[in-house]
Amino acid sequence: MKYKTTKVDQVNWLASSKFQAFTESADKEYESGEVFIKGGAVAGLVVNYVAGSTDDPMPASVMVEGYVLPDRLPVALTADQVTALKAIGIKFRGETAVPATQSGTDTTTTTSEN
C-alpha cells in the first residue's frame, strides 16, 4: 500500500494546550485562528481550518476560553474584536496585567467640625 504524505502549514497560535471549544456550523471558509462570527457577533476563534459554504455548512471547532498568542494569529484583530473575545473568556499572552489596588489603602477620610 502506498501512502501520500502532505505537509500542513498551520502556525500554532495557542499559548496553552488547555482551552474550551464548542462545535459551530461554519457557512464559509475560515483559517485557523480567524474570528468566528455567529449572528453578527464575535463567538470565538476557529481552532482548525474549515471550508464550509451556505449550501454545505461544515462543523467548526470554535475556541471560547483559553490563552492565545496574538502576534501569531493569521489576521490582526481589531480593538472591538479583542474586547469581545476578552468578554467571552479568551486571554492574550504578553499583555501586561493591570495592577490591583489593595483594599483600604487608597481611602481618604475627611471630618467636618460643627
N, C-alpha and C. Protein backbone atom coordinates (compact mmCIF):
# COMPACT_ATOMS: atom_id res chain seq x y z
N MET A 1 0.85 -1.17 0.00
CA MET A 1 0.00 0.00 0.00
C MET A 1 0.89 1.24 0.00
N LYS A 2 0.61 2.16 -0.88
CA LYS A 2 1.39 3.38 -0.98
C LYS A 2 0.68 4.52 -0.27
N TYR A 3 1.45 5.29 0.50
CA TYR A 3 0.90 6.41 1.25
C TYR A 3 1.34 7.72 0.63
N LYS A 4 0.45 8.67 0.65
CA LYS A 4 0.78 10.00 0.16
C LYS A 4 0.98 10.91 1.37
N THR A 5 2.10 11.60 1.41
CA THR A 5 2.41 12.50 2.52
C THR A 5 2.10 13.93 2.11
N THR A 6 1.40 14.63 2.98
CA THR A 6 1.11 16.05 2.74
C THR A 6 1.63 16.86 3.91
N LYS A 7 2.02 18.07 3.63
CA LYS A 7 2.54 18.96 4.66
C LYS A 7 1.44 19.95 5.04
N VAL A 8 1.25 20.10 6.34
CA VAL A 8 0.27 21.06 6.84
C VAL A 8 1.04 22.28 7.31
N ASP A 9 0.67 23.44 6.77
CA ASP A 9 1.33 24.68 7.13
C ASP A 9 0.36 25.53 7.94
N GLN A 10 0.39 25.31 9.25
CA GLN A 10 -0.53 26.00 10.15
C GLN A 10 0.25 26.44 11.37
N VAL A 11 0.31 27.74 11.62
CA VAL A 11 1.05 28.29 12.75
C VAL A 11 0.29 28.05 14.04
N ASN A 12 1.01 27.61 15.08
CA ASN A 12 0.39 27.39 16.38
C ASN A 12 0.22 28.73 17.09
N TRP A 13 -1.00 29.17 17.30
CA TRP A 13 -1.30 30.44 17.97
C TRP A 13 -1.85 30.23 19.37
N LEU A 14 -1.92 28.97 19.81
CA LEU A 14 -2.38 28.67 21.16
C LEU A 14 -1.23 28.83 22.15
N ALA A 15 -1.47 29.49 23.27
CA ALA A 15 -0.44 29.68 24.28
C ALA A 15 -0.47 28.55 25.31
N SER A 16 -1.49 27.70 25.27
CA SER A 16 -1.63 26.60 26.21
C SER A 16 -2.41 25.48 25.53
N SER A 17 -2.17 24.27 25.98
CA SER A 17 -2.92 23.14 25.42
C SER A 17 -4.29 23.00 26.08
N LYS A 18 -4.55 23.77 27.10
CA LYS A 18 -5.84 23.71 27.80
C LYS A 18 -6.72 24.87 27.34
N PHE A 19 -7.80 24.53 26.68
CA PHE A 19 -8.76 25.54 26.23
C PHE A 19 -10.12 24.89 26.09
N GLN A 20 -11.16 25.71 26.01
CA GLN A 20 -12.53 25.24 25.84
C GLN A 20 -13.02 25.64 24.46
N ALA A 21 -13.58 24.68 23.74
CA ALA A 21 -14.10 24.95 22.39
C ALA A 21 -15.44 24.25 22.21
N PHE A 22 -16.28 24.83 21.38
CA PHE A 22 -17.57 24.25 21.06
C PHE A 22 -17.68 24.09 19.54
N THR A 23 -18.54 23.20 19.11
CA THR A 23 -18.76 22.99 17.68
C THR A 23 -19.81 23.96 17.18
N GLU A 24 -19.47 24.67 16.12
CA GLU A 24 -20.39 25.60 15.46
C GLU A 24 -20.49 25.22 13.99
N SER A 25 -21.50 25.72 13.32
CA SER A 25 -21.71 25.45 11.90
C SER A 25 -21.08 26.57 11.08
N ALA A 26 -20.03 26.23 10.32
CA ALA A 26 -19.32 27.22 9.50
C ALA A 26 -19.95 27.29 8.12
N ASP A 27 -20.43 28.48 7.75
CA ASP A 27 -21.06 28.65 6.45
C ASP A 27 -20.15 29.36 5.45
N LYS A 28 -18.85 29.45 5.78
CA LYS A 28 -17.85 30.00 4.86
C LYS A 28 -16.50 29.40 5.23
N GLU A 29 -15.47 29.77 4.50
CA GLU A 29 -14.12 29.27 4.76
C GLU A 29 -13.47 30.07 5.88
N TYR A 30 -12.89 29.38 6.85
CA TYR A 30 -12.20 30.01 7.98
C TYR A 30 -10.79 29.45 8.10
N GLU A 31 -9.83 30.33 8.32
CA GLU A 31 -8.46 29.92 8.62
C GLU A 31 -8.37 29.62 10.11
N SER A 32 -7.39 28.84 10.50
CA SER A 32 -7.13 28.58 11.91
C SER A 32 -6.73 29.89 12.59
N GLY A 33 -7.41 30.24 13.68
CA GLY A 33 -7.13 31.48 14.39
C GLY A 33 -7.96 32.66 13.96
N GLU A 34 -8.82 32.47 12.98
CA GLU A 34 -9.68 33.56 12.50
C GLU A 34 -10.87 33.72 13.44
N VAL A 35 -11.38 34.94 13.55
CA VAL A 35 -12.53 35.22 14.41
C VAL A 35 -13.78 34.61 13.78
N PHE A 36 -14.54 33.85 14.58
CA PHE A 36 -15.78 33.25 14.13
C PHE A 36 -16.93 34.17 14.51
N ILE A 37 -17.74 34.52 13.53
CA ILE A 37 -18.89 35.41 13.73
C ILE A 37 -20.16 34.56 13.68
N LYS A 38 -21.00 34.71 14.72
CA LYS A 38 -22.28 33.98 14.76
C LYS A 38 -23.38 34.98 15.09
N GLY A 39 -24.34 35.10 14.22
CA GLY A 39 -25.44 36.03 14.44
C GLY A 39 -24.99 37.48 14.49
N GLY A 40 -23.93 37.81 13.76
CA GLY A 40 -23.43 39.18 13.72
C GLY A 40 -22.53 39.56 14.89
N ALA A 41 -22.26 38.61 15.79
CA ALA A 41 -21.42 38.89 16.95
C ALA A 41 -20.23 37.94 16.98
N VAL A 42 -19.17 38.36 17.65
CA VAL A 42 -17.98 37.52 17.80
C VAL A 42 -18.31 36.35 18.72
N ALA A 43 -18.05 35.12 18.23
CA ALA A 43 -18.35 33.92 19.01
C ALA A 43 -17.10 33.22 19.52
N GLY A 44 -15.92 33.54 18.97
CA GLY A 44 -14.68 32.90 19.39
C GLY A 44 -13.68 32.85 18.26
N LEU A 45 -12.68 31.99 18.41
CA LEU A 45 -11.64 31.80 17.40
C LEU A 45 -11.71 30.39 16.85
N VAL A 46 -11.61 30.25 15.53
CA VAL A 46 -11.67 28.94 14.88
C VAL A 46 -10.36 28.20 15.18
N VAL A 47 -10.46 26.97 15.68
CA VAL A 47 -9.27 26.21 16.07
C VAL A 47 -8.54 25.65 14.87
N ASN A 48 -9.23 25.03 13.93
CA ASN A 48 -8.61 24.44 12.74
C ASN A 48 -9.27 24.95 11.47
N TYR A 49 -8.52 24.93 10.39
CA TYR A 49 -9.05 25.36 9.09
C TYR A 49 -10.31 24.56 8.76
N VAL A 50 -11.31 25.26 8.24
CA VAL A 50 -12.55 24.61 7.81
C VAL A 50 -13.06 25.32 6.56
N ALA A 51 -13.56 24.54 5.61
CA ALA A 51 -14.09 25.10 4.36
C ALA A 51 -15.57 24.74 4.26
N GLY A 52 -16.40 25.64 4.74
CA GLY A 52 -17.84 25.45 4.65
C GLY A 52 -18.43 26.40 3.64
N SER A 53 -19.70 26.27 3.38
CA SER A 53 -20.41 27.18 2.48
C SER A 53 -21.86 27.25 2.94
N THR A 54 -22.60 28.21 2.40
CA THR A 54 -24.01 28.33 2.78
C THR A 54 -24.80 27.10 2.30
N ASP A 55 -24.38 26.50 1.18
CA ASP A 55 -25.04 25.30 0.67
C ASP A 55 -24.64 24.05 1.44
N ASP A 56 -23.41 24.04 1.95
CA ASP A 56 -22.88 22.88 2.66
C ASP A 56 -22.10 23.32 3.89
N PRO A 57 -22.80 23.73 4.98
CA PRO A 57 -22.08 24.14 6.19
C PRO A 57 -21.31 22.97 6.81
N MET A 58 -20.15 23.29 7.35
CA MET A 58 -19.28 22.27 7.95
C MET A 58 -19.13 22.53 9.45
N PRO A 59 -18.93 21.49 10.25
CA PRO A 59 -18.69 21.70 11.68
C PRO A 59 -17.32 22.33 11.90
N ALA A 60 -17.27 23.32 12.78
CA ALA A 60 -16.01 24.00 13.09
C ALA A 60 -15.84 24.04 14.60
N SER A 61 -14.62 23.80 15.05
CA SER A 61 -14.29 23.91 16.46
C SER A 61 -13.97 25.36 16.76
N VAL A 62 -14.74 25.99 17.66
CA VAL A 62 -14.58 27.41 17.96
C VAL A 62 -14.16 27.56 19.43
N MET A 63 -12.98 28.14 19.63
CA MET A 63 -12.43 28.35 20.97
C MET A 63 -13.15 29.50 21.65
N VAL A 64 -13.63 29.25 22.88
CA VAL A 64 -14.34 30.29 23.63
C VAL A 64 -13.65 30.64 24.94
N GLU A 65 -12.64 29.87 25.32
CA GLU A 65 -11.92 30.15 26.56
C GLU A 65 -10.52 29.56 26.46
N GLY A 66 -9.51 30.35 26.84
CA GLY A 66 -8.13 29.88 26.82
C GLY A 66 -7.16 31.01 26.55
N TYR A 67 -5.89 30.64 26.41
CA TYR A 67 -4.82 31.61 26.18
C TYR A 67 -4.37 31.59 24.73
N VAL A 68 -4.13 32.79 24.17
CA VAL A 68 -3.78 32.96 22.77
C VAL A 68 -2.50 33.80 22.66
N LEU A 69 -1.68 33.50 21.64
CA LEU A 69 -0.53 34.33 21.29
C LEU A 69 -0.98 35.26 20.15
N PRO A 70 -1.35 36.50 20.45
CA PRO A 70 -1.97 37.36 19.44
C PRO A 70 -1.08 37.68 18.24
N ASP A 71 0.23 37.71 18.42
CA ASP A 71 1.11 38.02 17.30
C ASP A 71 1.22 36.88 16.29
N ARG A 72 0.70 35.69 16.62
CA ARG A 72 0.73 34.56 15.70
C ARG A 72 -0.60 34.32 14.99
N LEU A 73 -1.61 35.08 15.31
CA LEU A 73 -2.90 34.92 14.63
C LEU A 73 -2.76 35.30 13.16
N PRO A 74 -3.51 34.66 12.26
CA PRO A 74 -3.34 34.93 10.82
C PRO A 74 -3.76 36.33 10.40
N VAL A 75 -4.67 36.93 11.14
CA VAL A 75 -5.16 38.28 10.81
C VAL A 75 -5.12 39.11 12.09
N ALA A 76 -4.66 40.34 11.98
CA ALA A 76 -4.63 41.22 13.15
C ALA A 76 -6.06 41.51 13.61
N LEU A 77 -6.27 41.48 14.90
CA LEU A 77 -7.60 41.71 15.46
C LEU A 77 -7.86 43.20 15.64
N THR A 78 -9.10 43.60 15.46
CA THR A 78 -9.49 44.99 15.73
C THR A 78 -9.68 45.15 17.24
N ALA A 79 -9.73 46.37 17.71
CA ALA A 79 -9.94 46.63 19.13
C ALA A 79 -11.29 46.08 19.59
N ASP A 80 -12.32 46.21 18.74
CA ASP A 80 -13.64 45.68 19.09
C ASP A 80 -13.62 44.16 19.21
N GLN A 81 -12.89 43.49 18.30
CA GLN A 81 -12.79 42.03 18.37
C GLN A 81 -12.06 41.58 19.63
N VAL A 82 -10.97 42.28 19.99
CA VAL A 82 -10.23 41.95 21.20
C VAL A 82 -11.12 42.09 22.43
N THR A 83 -11.87 43.18 22.49
CA THR A 83 -12.78 43.41 23.61
C THR A 83 -13.83 42.31 23.70
N ALA A 84 -14.41 41.93 22.57
CA ALA A 84 -15.43 40.88 22.55
C ALA A 84 -14.85 39.53 22.94
N LEU A 85 -13.65 39.21 22.45
CA LEU A 85 -13.02 37.94 22.79
C LEU A 85 -12.66 37.87 24.27
N LYS A 86 -12.21 38.98 24.84
CA LYS A 86 -11.92 39.01 26.28
C LYS A 86 -13.20 38.81 27.09
N ALA A 87 -14.30 39.38 26.63
CA ALA A 87 -15.59 39.22 27.33
C ALA A 87 -16.05 37.76 27.30
N ILE A 88 -15.72 37.05 26.23
CA ILE A 88 -16.10 35.64 26.11
C ILE A 88 -15.28 34.78 27.08
N GLY A 89 -13.99 35.09 27.22
CA GLY A 89 -13.13 34.30 28.10
C GLY A 89 -11.77 34.00 27.52
N ILE A 90 -11.43 34.63 26.41
CA ILE A 90 -10.12 34.42 25.79
C ILE A 90 -9.14 35.44 26.35
N LYS A 91 -7.97 34.93 26.75
CA LYS A 91 -6.93 35.78 27.31
C LYS A 91 -5.76 35.84 26.35
N PHE A 92 -5.08 36.98 26.30
CA PHE A 92 -3.98 37.18 25.37
C PHE A 92 -2.66 37.19 26.12
N ARG A 93 -1.75 36.27 25.79
CA ARG A 93 -0.43 36.21 26.42
C ARG A 93 0.39 37.39 25.97
N GLY A 94 1.21 37.91 26.89
CA GLY A 94 2.10 39.01 26.56
C GLY A 94 1.55 40.36 26.94
N GLU A 95 0.28 40.43 27.29
CA GLU A 95 -0.29 41.69 27.74
C GLU A 95 0.08 41.90 29.20
N THR A 96 0.33 43.13 29.55
CA THR A 96 0.64 43.42 30.94
C THR A 96 -0.66 43.47 31.74
N ALA A 97 -0.63 42.86 32.88
CA ALA A 97 -1.82 42.84 33.74
C ALA A 97 -1.98 44.18 34.43
N VAL A 98 -3.20 44.57 34.63
CA VAL A 98 -3.50 45.81 35.34
C VAL A 98 -3.28 45.54 36.82
N PRO A 99 -2.44 46.35 37.49
CA PRO A 99 -2.19 46.09 38.91
C PRO A 99 -3.44 46.32 39.75
N ALA A 100 -3.66 45.43 40.67
CA ALA A 100 -4.82 45.54 41.56
C ALA A 100 -4.45 46.43 42.74
N THR A 101 -5.37 47.24 43.18
CA THR A 101 -5.13 48.06 44.37
C THR A 101 -5.58 47.29 45.59
N GLN A 102 -4.85 47.46 46.67
CA GLN A 102 -5.22 46.77 47.90
C GLN A 102 -6.40 47.48 48.54
N SER A 103 -7.25 46.71 49.12
CA SER A 103 -8.45 47.26 49.75
C SER A 103 -8.08 48.13 50.94
N GLY A 104 -8.59 49.34 50.95
CA GLY A 104 -8.41 50.22 52.08
C GLY A 104 -7.16 51.08 52.04
N THR A 105 -6.29 50.93 51.06
CA THR A 105 -5.05 51.70 51.05
C THR A 105 -5.21 53.06 50.38
N ASP A 106 -6.20 53.19 49.52
CA ASP A 106 -6.37 54.44 48.79
C ASP A 106 -7.60 55.21 49.29
N THR A 107 -7.86 55.15 50.54
CA THR A 107 -9.04 55.84 51.07
C THR A 107 -8.64 57.12 51.75
N THR A 108 -9.47 58.11 51.65
CA THR A 108 -9.25 59.39 52.30
C THR A 108 -10.42 59.65 53.24
N THR A 109 -10.10 60.02 54.46
CA THR A 109 -11.14 60.30 55.45
C THR A 109 -11.18 61.80 55.72
N THR A 110 -12.33 62.36 55.61
CA THR A 110 -12.49 63.78 55.90
C THR A 110 -13.49 63.93 57.04
N THR A 111 -13.20 64.85 57.90
CA THR A 111 -14.12 65.11 59.01
C THR A 111 -14.49 66.57 58.98
N SER A 112 -15.64 66.87 59.43
CA SER A 112 -16.07 68.26 59.49
C SER A 112 -16.49 68.59 60.92
N GLU A 113 -16.13 69.78 61.33
CA GLU A 113 -16.49 70.20 62.67
C GLU A 113 -17.71 71.09 62.61
N ASN A 114 -18.64 70.89 63.50
CA ASN A 114 -19.87 71.70 63.52
C ASN A 114 -19.84 72.69 64.64
